[in-house]
Protein backbone atom coordinates (compact mmCIF):
# COMPACT_ATOMS: atom_id res chain seq x y z
CA MET A 1 0.26 -0.13 -0.02
CA ALA A 2 1.10 3.51 -0.86
CA VAL A 3 0.76 7.00 0.17
CA ARG A 4 -0.44 8.97 -2.34
CA ALA A 5 -1.52 12.72 -2.97
CA VAL A 6 -4.69 13.38 -4.91
CA ARG A 7 -5.67 17.29 -5.91
CA GLY A 8 -8.81 18.25 -6.72
CA ALA A 9 -10.76 21.97 -7.14
CA VAL A 10 -14.32 23.44 -7.76
CA GLN A 11 -15.32 26.98 -8.54
CA LEU A 12 -18.16 28.23 -6.61
CA GLU A 13 -20.98 30.22 -8.24
CA ARG A 14 -21.56 32.54 -5.13
CA ASP A 15 -19.89 32.68 -1.43
CA GLU A 16 -22.74 30.95 0.54
CA SER A 17 -22.11 28.45 2.84
CA GLY A 18 -25.08 25.61 1.58
CA HIS A 19 -23.87 26.21 -1.96
CA MET A 20 -20.01 25.70 -0.47
CA ARG A 21 -21.30 22.21 1.15
CA GLN A 22 -22.55 21.10 -1.48
CA GLN A 23 -19.89 21.85 -4.08
CA VAL A 24 -16.99 20.76 -1.93
CA SER A 25 -19.03 17.57 -1.39
CA GLU A 26 -19.55 16.74 -4.88
CA LEU A 27 -15.77 17.05 -5.32
CA LEU A 28 -14.95 15.01 -2.32
CA THR A 29 -17.29 12.29 -3.36
CA ALA A 30 -15.96 12.52 -6.93
CA ILE A 31 -12.05 12.04 -5.91
CA LEU A 32 -13.07 8.91 -3.78
CA GLU A 33 -15.37 7.39 -6.45
CA ARG A 34 -12.61 8.17 -9.61
CA ASN A 35 -10.09 6.82 -7.21
CA ALA A 36 -11.94 3.87 -5.85
CA LEU A 37 -11.64 4.97 -2.49
CA VAL A 38 -13.41 5.11 0.90
CA PRO A 39 -13.05 7.22 3.72
CA ASP A 40 -11.00 4.63 5.68
CA ASP A 41 -8.19 5.05 2.87
CA LEU A 42 -8.16 8.79 3.54
CA ILE A 43 -4.95 10.04 5.88
CA SER A 44 -5.25 13.67 5.86
CA VAL A 45 -6.98 16.42 3.92
CA TRP A 46 -6.29 19.80 3.49
CA PHE A 47 -8.95 22.37 1.84
CA THR A 48 -7.74 25.70 0.73
CA ALA A 49 -10.11 28.50 -0.35
CA THR A 50 -9.57 32.03 -2.24
CA PRO A 51 -9.55 35.00 -0.13
CA ASP A 52 -13.14 35.69 -1.48
CA LEU A 53 -14.90 32.64 0.17
CA HIS A 54 -15.93 33.84 3.80
CA SER A 55 -19.17 31.92 4.16
CA ASP A 56 -17.78 28.49 5.93
CA PHE A 57 -14.94 25.86 6.41
CA PRO A 58 -14.37 23.94 3.47
CA ALA A 59 -14.19 20.78 5.63
CA VAL A 60 -17.79 21.05 6.96
CA ALA A 61 -18.53 19.39 4.19
CA ALA A 62 -16.34 16.26 4.64
CA ARG A 63 -17.54 15.98 8.26
CA GLU A 64 -21.33 16.12 7.03
CA LEU A 65 -20.15 13.13 4.49
CA GLY A 66 -19.54 11.05 7.80
CA ILE A 67 -15.39 11.82 7.52
CA THR A 68 -14.85 12.22 11.00
CA ASP A 69 -12.14 10.38 12.33
CA VAL A 70 -9.80 12.04 9.47
CA PRO A 71 -7.40 15.04 10.28
CA LEU A 72 -8.75 17.93 7.98
CA ILE A 73 -7.37 21.54 7.74
CA CYS A 74 -8.63 24.65 6.02
CA ALA A 75 -6.26 27.26 5.06
CA GLN A 76 -6.39 30.69 2.14
CA GLU A 77 -4.82 30.43 -0.76
CA LEU A 78 -2.73 33.27 -1.66
CA ASP A 79 -4.39 36.72 -3.09
CA ILE A 80 -2.90 36.74 -6.33
CA GLU A 81 -4.08 39.46 -9.01
CA GLY A 82 -6.06 37.86 -11.72
CA ALA A 83 -6.65 34.33 -10.28
CA MET A 84 -9.87 32.87 -10.70
CA PRO A 85 -12.14 33.70 -7.87
CA ARG A 86 -14.28 31.62 -5.38
CA VAL A 87 -12.43 28.52 -5.44
CA VAL A 88 -12.00 25.48 -3.03
CA ARG A 89 -8.99 23.04 -3.67
CA ILE A 90 -8.38 19.74 -2.23
CA LEU A 91 -5.15 17.80 -1.32
CA ALA A 92 -6.11 14.83 0.02
CA HIS A 93 -3.37 12.06 1.09
CA VAL A 94 -4.43 8.61 0.87
CA GLU A 95 -3.40 4.95 1.14
CA THR A 96 -4.13 3.02 -2.08
CA GLU A 97 -2.66 0.60 -4.65
CA LEU A 98 -3.02 3.07 -7.41
CA PRO A 99 0.46 3.86 -8.91
CA LYS A 100 1.04 7.86 -9.13
CA SER A 101 -0.31 7.61 -12.98
CA GLY A 102 -3.04 6.02 -12.53
CA VAL A 103 -4.29 8.63 -9.88
CA ALA A 104 -7.26 10.87 -11.02
CA HIS A 105 -7.16 14.23 -10.01
CA VAL A 106 -10.51 16.01 -10.12
CA TYR A 107 -11.29 19.47 -11.32
CA LEU A 108 -15.12 20.45 -11.63
CA GLY A 109 -16.28 22.94 -13.75
CA ALA A 110 -14.54 26.20 -14.62
CA ALA A 111 -11.76 24.67 -12.33
CA ALA A 112 -10.88 22.27 -14.95
CA SER A 113 -9.03 25.14 -16.63
CA LEU A 114 -6.72 25.32 -13.27
CA ARG A 115 -4.58 22.10 -14.20
CA LYS A 116 -5.35 21.14 -17.72
CA ASP A 117 -2.10 18.99 -17.40
CA ILE A 118 -3.62 16.45 -14.80
CA ALA A 119 -7.23 17.16 -14.70
CA GLN A 120 -9.24 14.14 -15.53
């Protein structure tokens, strides 16, 4: 079993708690499904949000999915002029049999343009 990092991102339409929870839940669920992972495979998850998001902690969505015994942390992205607004990113450390080349990084909606080189 190897430790791998899985990336993902989603751009929110608006800064609203319920919307953030729904979008982050969708992103985290897609990361798990596309990599054939279950919550027990998660080691830790980093969530970042652009500085224009204030309505909630992205990690709340993971807790609402039942991911309760995994260390989660939220941080703010750098405030870079011209950067895509309203983006939540995920960096999940997982235990998996997948080789690095087999990991599916998930970029939903407009966020797919952030990493065209690795977005699935």
